[in-house]
Amino acid sequence: MTVDETADAETAADAAAAPADAAPEAQQVTELTEALQRERAQFANFRRRSAEEALQSVARGKQVLVEKLLPILDDLDRAREHGDLDEGPLRAFADKLAGILAGEQLVKFGEPGDAFDPEVHEAIQHEGSSDAPVVGLVYRAGYRLGDKVIRTATVTVTDPA
């Protein structure tokens, strides 16, 4: 064997050995890349869940505060019915409080003549036998905070006029 033949044989052996060594390294790179992608996806999911939980905590805090204010709103409704809120400082207070709570998406419902819905109305008396009853008297207004009913309306149910 000549020097040229020996050099060619060594070059061929090195070329054959290189892909064998490269295959485990490429596989390791692939595995590490996949692991990195999984970790990045888990972290993105963690951030999304954390943001959702923070929003839910804020919403729950608002609901707790509004539920504590409902008796005050009931008292203001009774005062309005008796004419005590026609003028004066109590009217200004009631208007400001209603404006603040409306800004937080608190909506009052349960007016006489509304269609009766057992999901949002609590009937304490039913007069008539109609298939489409309506709200008669409202004893206590119901409230929604956003899309969630936080208190049902206490009403009487009658036939439509």
C-alpha atoms as a PDB file:
ATOM      1  CA  MET A   1       0.000   0.000   0.000  1.00  0.00           C
ATOM      2  CA  THR A   2       1.332   3.365  -0.935  1.00  0.00           C
ATOM      3  CA  VAL A   3       1.264   6.575   1.011  1.00  0.00           C
ATOM      4  CA  ASP A   4      -1.551   7.911  -1.164  1.00  0.00           C
ATOM      5  CA  GLU A   5      -3.632   4.763  -0.641  1.00  0.00           C
ATOM      6  CA  THR A   6      -3.076   4.937   3.130  1.00  0.00           C
ATOM      7  CA  ALA A   7      -4.140   8.588   3.227  1.00  0.00           C
ATOM      8  CA  ASP A   8      -7.264   7.794   1.196  1.00  0.00           C
ATOM      9  CA  ALA A   9      -8.138   4.941   3.546  1.00  0.00           C
ATOM     10  CA  GLU A  10      -7.759   7.168   6.615  1.00  0.00           C
ATOM     11  CA  THR A  11      -9.867   9.895   5.000  1.00  0.00           C
ATOM     12  CA  ALA A  12     -12.577   7.347   4.185  1.00  0.00           C
ATOM     13  CA  ALA A  13     -12.481   6.030   7.767  1.00  0.00           C
ATOM     14  CA  ASP A  14     -12.731   9.570   9.161  1.00  0.00           C
ATOM     15  CA  ALA A  15     -15.664  10.322   6.842  1.00  0.00           C
ATOM     16  CA  ALA A  16     -17.457   7.155   7.925  1.00  0.00           C
ATOM     17  CA  ALA A  17     -16.855   7.904  11.615  1.00  0.00           C
ATOM     18  CA  ALA A  18     -18.008  11.537  11.401  1.00  0.00           C
ATOM     19  CA  PRO A  19     -21.682  10.785  10.633  1.00  0.00           C
ATOM     20  CA  ALA A  20     -21.739   8.206  13.397  1.00  0.00           C
ATOM     21  CA  ASP A  21     -20.507  10.819  15.887  1.00  0.00           C
ATOM     22  CA  ALA A  22     -22.793  13.523  14.433  1.00  0.00           C
ATOM     23  CA  ALA A  23     -25.955  11.424  14.756  1.00  0.00           C
ATOM     24  CA  PRO A  24     -25.924  11.305  18.607  1.00  0.00           C
ATOM     25  CA  GLU A  25     -25.105  15.026  18.770  1.00  0.00           C
ATOM     26  CA  ALA A  26     -27.936  15.900  16.370  1.00  0.00           C
ATOM     27  CA  GLN A  27     -30.318  13.717  18.366  1.00  0.00           C
ATOM     28  CA  GLN A  28     -29.237  15.426  21.583  1.00  0.00           C
ATOM     29  CA  VAL A  29     -29.763  18.865  20.007  1.00  0.00           C
ATOM     30  CA  THR A  30     -33.226  17.780  18.870  1.00  0.00           C
ATOM     31  CA  GLU A  31     -34.120  16.469  22.337  1.00  0.00           C
ATOM     32  CA  LEU A  32     -32.883  19.629  24.031  1.00  0.00           C
ATOM     33  CA  THR A  33     -34.773  21.813  21.559  1.00  0.00           C
ATOM     34  CA  GLU A  34     -37.992  19.881  22.235  1.00  0.00           C
ATOM     35  CA  ALA A  35     -37.439  20.158  26.003  1.00  0.00           C
ATOM     36  CA  LEU A  36     -36.885  23.899  25.667  1.00  0.00           C
ATOM     37  CA  GLN A  37     -40.073  24.284  23.630  1.00  0.00           C
ATOM     38  CA  ARG A  38     -42.056  22.351  26.263  1.00  0.00           C
ATOM     39  CA  GLU A  39     -40.659  24.550  29.051  1.00  0.00           C
ATOM     40  CA  ARG A  40     -41.468  27.709  27.111  1.00  0.00           C
ATOM     41  CA  ALA A  41     -45.037  26.477  26.524  1.00  0.00           C
ATOM     42  CA  GLN A  42     -45.439  25.614  30.221  1.00  0.00           C
ATOM     43  CA  PHE A  43     -44.170  29.057  31.214  1.00  0.00           C
ATOM     44  CA  ALA A  44     -46.537  30.763  28.765  1.00  0.00           C
ATOM     45  CA  ASN A  45     -49.429  28.737  30.217  1.00  0.00           C
ATOM     46  CA  PHE A  46     -48.321  29.661  33.744  1.00  0.00           C
ATOM     47  CA  ARG A  47     -48.275  33.377  32.871  1.00  0.00           C
ATOM     48  CA  ARG A  48     -51.718  33.132  31.254  1.00  0.00           C
ATOM     49  CA  ARG A  49     -53.178  31.274  34.260  1.00  0.00           C
ATOM     50  CA  SER A  50     -51.605  33.766  36.680  1.00  0.00           C
ATOM     51  CA  ALA A  51     -53.128  36.699  34.793  1.00  0.00           C
ATOM     52  CA  GLU A  52     -56.550  34.997  34.752  1.00  0.00           C
ATOM     53  CA  GLU A  53     -56.351  34.252  38.475  1.00  0.00           C
ATOM     54  CA  ALA A  54     -55.446  37.869  39.205  1.00  0.00           C
ATOM     55  CA  LEU A  55     -58.471  39.083  37.218  1.00  0.00           C
ATOM     56  CA  GLN A  56     -60.708  36.585  39.015  1.00  0.00           C
ATOM     57  CA  SER A  57     -59.402  37.781  42.382  1.00  0.00           C
ATOM     58  CA  VAL A  58     -60.186  41.389  41.494  1.00  0.00           C
ATOM     59  CA  ALA A  59     -63.678  40.411  40.306  1.00  0.00           C
ATOM     60  CA  ARG A  60     -64.298  38.428  43.496  1.00  0.00           C
ATOM     61  CA  GLY A  61     -63.155  41.375  45.619  1.00  0.00           C
ATOM     62  CA  LYS A  62     -65.557  43.692  43.775  1.00  0.00           C
ATOM     63  CA  GLN A  63     -68.388  41.224  44.289  1.00  0.00           C
ATOM     64  CA  VAL A  64     -67.724  40.950  48.028  1.00  0.00           C
ATOM     65  CA  LEU A  65     -67.698  44.736  48.400  1.00  0.00           C
ATOM     66  CA  VAL A  66     -70.868  45.209  46.357  1.00  0.00           C
ATOM     67  CA  GLU A  67     -72.666  42.484  48.340  1.00  0.00           C
ATOM     68  CA  LYS A  68     -71.845  44.407  51.523  1.00  0.00           C
ATOM     69  CA  LEU A  69     -73.251  47.607  49.977  1.00  0.00           C
ATOM     70  CA  LEU A  70     -76.580  46.056  48.882  1.00  0.00           C
ATOM     71  CA  PRO A  71     -78.390  46.819  52.191  1.00  0.00           C
ATOM     72  CA  ILE A  72     -77.389  50.476  51.776  1.00  0.00           C
ATOM     73  CA  LEU A  73     -78.759  50.464  48.232  1.00  0.00           C
ATOM     74  CA  ASP A  74     -81.996  48.954  49.550  1.00  0.00           C
ATOM     75  CA  ASP A  75     -82.280  51.728  52.141  1.00  0.00           C
ATOM     76  CA  LEU A  76     -81.671  54.350  49.452  1.00  0.00           C
ATOM     77  CA  ASP A  77     -84.386  52.750  47.275  1.00  0.00           C
ATOM     78  CA  ARG A  78     -86.859  52.958  50.180  1.00  0.00           C
ATOM     79  CA  ALA A  79     -85.889  56.567  50.807  1.00  0.00           C
ATOM     80  CA  ARG A  80     -86.416  57.335  47.104  1.00  0.00           C
ATOM     81  CA  GLU A  81     -89.893  55.711  47.215  1.00  0.00           C
ATOM     82  CA  HIS A  82     -90.841  57.913  50.174  1.00  0.00           C
ATOM     83  CA  GLY A  83     -89.593  61.077  48.489  1.00  0.00           C
ATOM     84  CA  ASP A  84     -86.614  61.624  50.755  1.00  0.00           C
ATOM     85  CA  LEU A  85     -84.218  61.746  47.790  1.00  0.00           C
ATOM     86  CA  ASP A  86     -86.026  64.420  45.796  1.00  0.00           C
ATOM     87  CA  GLU A  87     -83.485  67.036  46.863  1.00  0.00           C
ATOM     88  CA  GLY A  88     -80.754  67.676  49.359  1.00  0.00           C
ATOM     89  CA  PRO A  89     -77.423  66.170  50.308  1.00  0.00           C
ATOM     90  CA  LEU A  90     -78.752  62.619  50.590  1.00  0.00           C
ATOM     91  CA  ARG A  91     -79.786  62.765  46.926  1.00  0.00           C
ATOM     92  CA  ALA A  92     -76.277  63.856  45.930  1.00  0.00           C
ATOM     93  CA  PHE A  93     -74.810  60.976  47.943  1.00  0.00           C
ATOM     94  CA  ALA A  94     -77.221  58.459  46.398  1.00  0.00           C
ATOM     95  CA  ASP A  95     -76.493  59.712  42.882  1.00  0.00           C
ATOM     96  CA  LYS A  96     -72.722  59.526  43.398  1.00  0.00           C
ATOM     97  CA  LEU A  97     -72.914  56.035  44.849  1.00  0.00           C
ATOM     98  CA  ALA A  98     -75.159  54.854  41.999  1.00  0.00           C
ATOM     99  CA  GLY A  99     -72.757  56.365  39.458  1.00  0.00           C
ATOM    100  CA  ILE A 100     -69.726  54.672  40.994  1.00  0.00           C
ATOM    101  CA  LEU A 101     -71.442  51.286  41.142  1.00  0.00           C
ATOM    102  CA  ALA A 102     -72.763  51.651  37.588  1.00  0.00           C
ATOM    103  CA  GLY A 103     -69.178  52.300  36.506  1.00  0.00           C
ATOM    104  CA  GLU A 104     -68.260  48.947  38.049  1.00  0.00           C
ATOM    105  CA  GLN A 105     -71.022  47.308  35.931  1.00  0.00           C
ATOM    106  CA  LEU A 106     -73.586  46.885  38.713  1.00  0.00           C
ATOM    107  CA  VAL A 107     -77.037  46.699  37.137  1.00  0.00           C
ATOM    108  CA  LYS A 108     -80.319  46.728  39.012  1.00  0.00           C
ATOM    109  CA  PHE A 109     -83.169  44.579  37.674  1.00  0.00           C
ATOM    110  CA  GLY A 110     -86.660  43.504  38.621  1.00  0.00           C
ATOM    111  CA  GLU A 111     -89.162  46.150  37.577  1.00  0.00           C
ATOM    112  CA  PRO A 112     -92.967  45.732  37.625  1.00  0.00           C
ATOM    113  CA  GLY A 113     -94.142  44.458  34.247  1.00  0.00           C
ATOM    114  CA  ASP A 114     -90.915  42.584  33.402  1.00  0.00           C
ATOM    115  CA  ALA A 115     -91.348  39.005  32.212  1.00  0.00           C
ATOM    116  CA  PHE A 116     -90.957  36.608  35.138  1.00  0.00           C
ATOM    117  CA  ASP A 117     -87.743  34.572  34.950  1.00  0.00           C
ATOM    118  CA  PRO A 118     -87.240  32.036  37.760  1.00  0.00           C
ATOM    119  CA  GLU A 119     -83.476  32.235  37.175  1.00  0.00           C
ATOM    120  CA  VAL A 120     -83.322  35.859  38.355  1.00  0.00           C
ATOM    121  CA  HIS A 121     -86.610  36.412  40.211  1.00  0.00           C
ATOM    122  CA  GLU A 122     -87.677  34.883  43.498  1.00  0.00           C
ATOM    123  CA  ALA A 123     -91.466  34.724  43.582  1.00  0.00           C
ATOM    124  CA  ILE A 124     -93.060  35.045  46.999  1.00  0.00           C
ATOM    125  CA  GLN A 125     -96.643  35.164  45.709  1.00  0.00           C
ATOM    126  CA  HIS A 126     -98.299  34.063  42.464  1.00  0.00           C
ATOM    127  CA  GLU A 127    -101.680  35.345  41.345  1.00  0.00           C
ATOM    128  CA  GLY A 128    -103.245  34.108  38.107  1.00  0.00           C
ATOM    129  CA  SER A 129    -102.663  31.185  35.817  1.00  0.00           C
ATOM    130  CA  SER A 130    -101.090  32.659  32.696  1.00  0.00           C
ATOM    131  CA  ASP A 131     -98.415  30.835  30.717  1.00  0.00           C
ATOM    132  CA  ALA A 132     -96.397  34.064  30.494  1.00  0.00           C
ATOM    133  CA  PRO A 133     -96.460  35.622  33.993  1.00  0.00           C
ATOM    134  CA  VAL A 134     -94.972  39.032  34.686  1.00  0.00           C
ATOM    135  CA  VAL A 135     -93.525  40.711  37.745  1.00  0.00           C
ATOM    136  CA  GLY A 136     -96.162  42.475  39.858  1.00  0.00           C
ATOM    137  CA  LEU A 137     -94.700  44.106  42.950  1.00  0.00           C
ATOM    138  CA  VAL A 138     -90.990  44.250  43.667  1.00  0.00           C
ATOM    139  CA  TYR A 139     -90.133  43.795  47.335  1.00  0.00           C
ATOM    140  CA  ARG A 140     -86.383  43.733  46.859  1.00  0.00           C
ATOM    141  CA  ALA A 141     -84.489  44.607  43.676  1.00  0.00           C
ATOM    142  CA  GLY A 142     -82.066  42.160  42.107  1.00  0.00           C
ATOM    143  CA  TYR A 143     -78.541  43.018  41.019  1.00  0.00           C
ATOM    144  CA  ARG A 144     -76.086  41.819  38.395  1.00  0.00           C
ATOM    145  CA  LEU A 145     -72.378  42.521  38.515  1.00  0.00           C
ATOM    146  CA  GLY A 146     -71.282  42.203  34.920  1.00  0.00           C
ATOM    147  CA  ASP A 147     -72.905  38.984  33.692  1.00  0.00           C
ATOM    148  CA  LYS A 148     -73.228  37.390  37.132  1.00  0.00           C
ATOM    149  CA  VAL A 149     -76.408  37.632  39.217  1.00  0.00           C
ATOM    150  CA  ILE A 150     -75.314  38.475  42.752  1.00  0.00           C
ATOM    151  CA  ARG A 151     -78.826  38.771  44.195  1.00  0.00           C
ATOM    152  CA  THR A 152     -82.176  37.682  42.807  1.00  0.00           C
ATOM    153  CA  ALA A 153     -85.148  40.036  42.884  1.00  0.00           C
ATOM    154  CA  THR A 154     -87.897  39.220  45.377  1.00  0.00           C
ATOM    155  CA  VAL A 155     -91.194  39.770  43.564  1.00  0.00           C
ATOM    156  CA  THR A 156     -94.838  38.863  43.242  1.00  0.00           C
ATOM    157  CA  VAL A 157     -95.979  37.276  39.998  1.00  0.00           C
ATOM    158  CA  THR A 158     -99.221  38.095  38.160  1.00  0.00           C
ATOM    159  CA  ASP A 159    -100.838  37.641  34.758  1.00  0.00           C
ATOM    160  CA  PRO A 160     -99.944  40.199  32.099  1.00  0.00           C
ATOM    161  CA  ALA A 161    -102.281  43.192  31.873  1.00  0.00           C
END
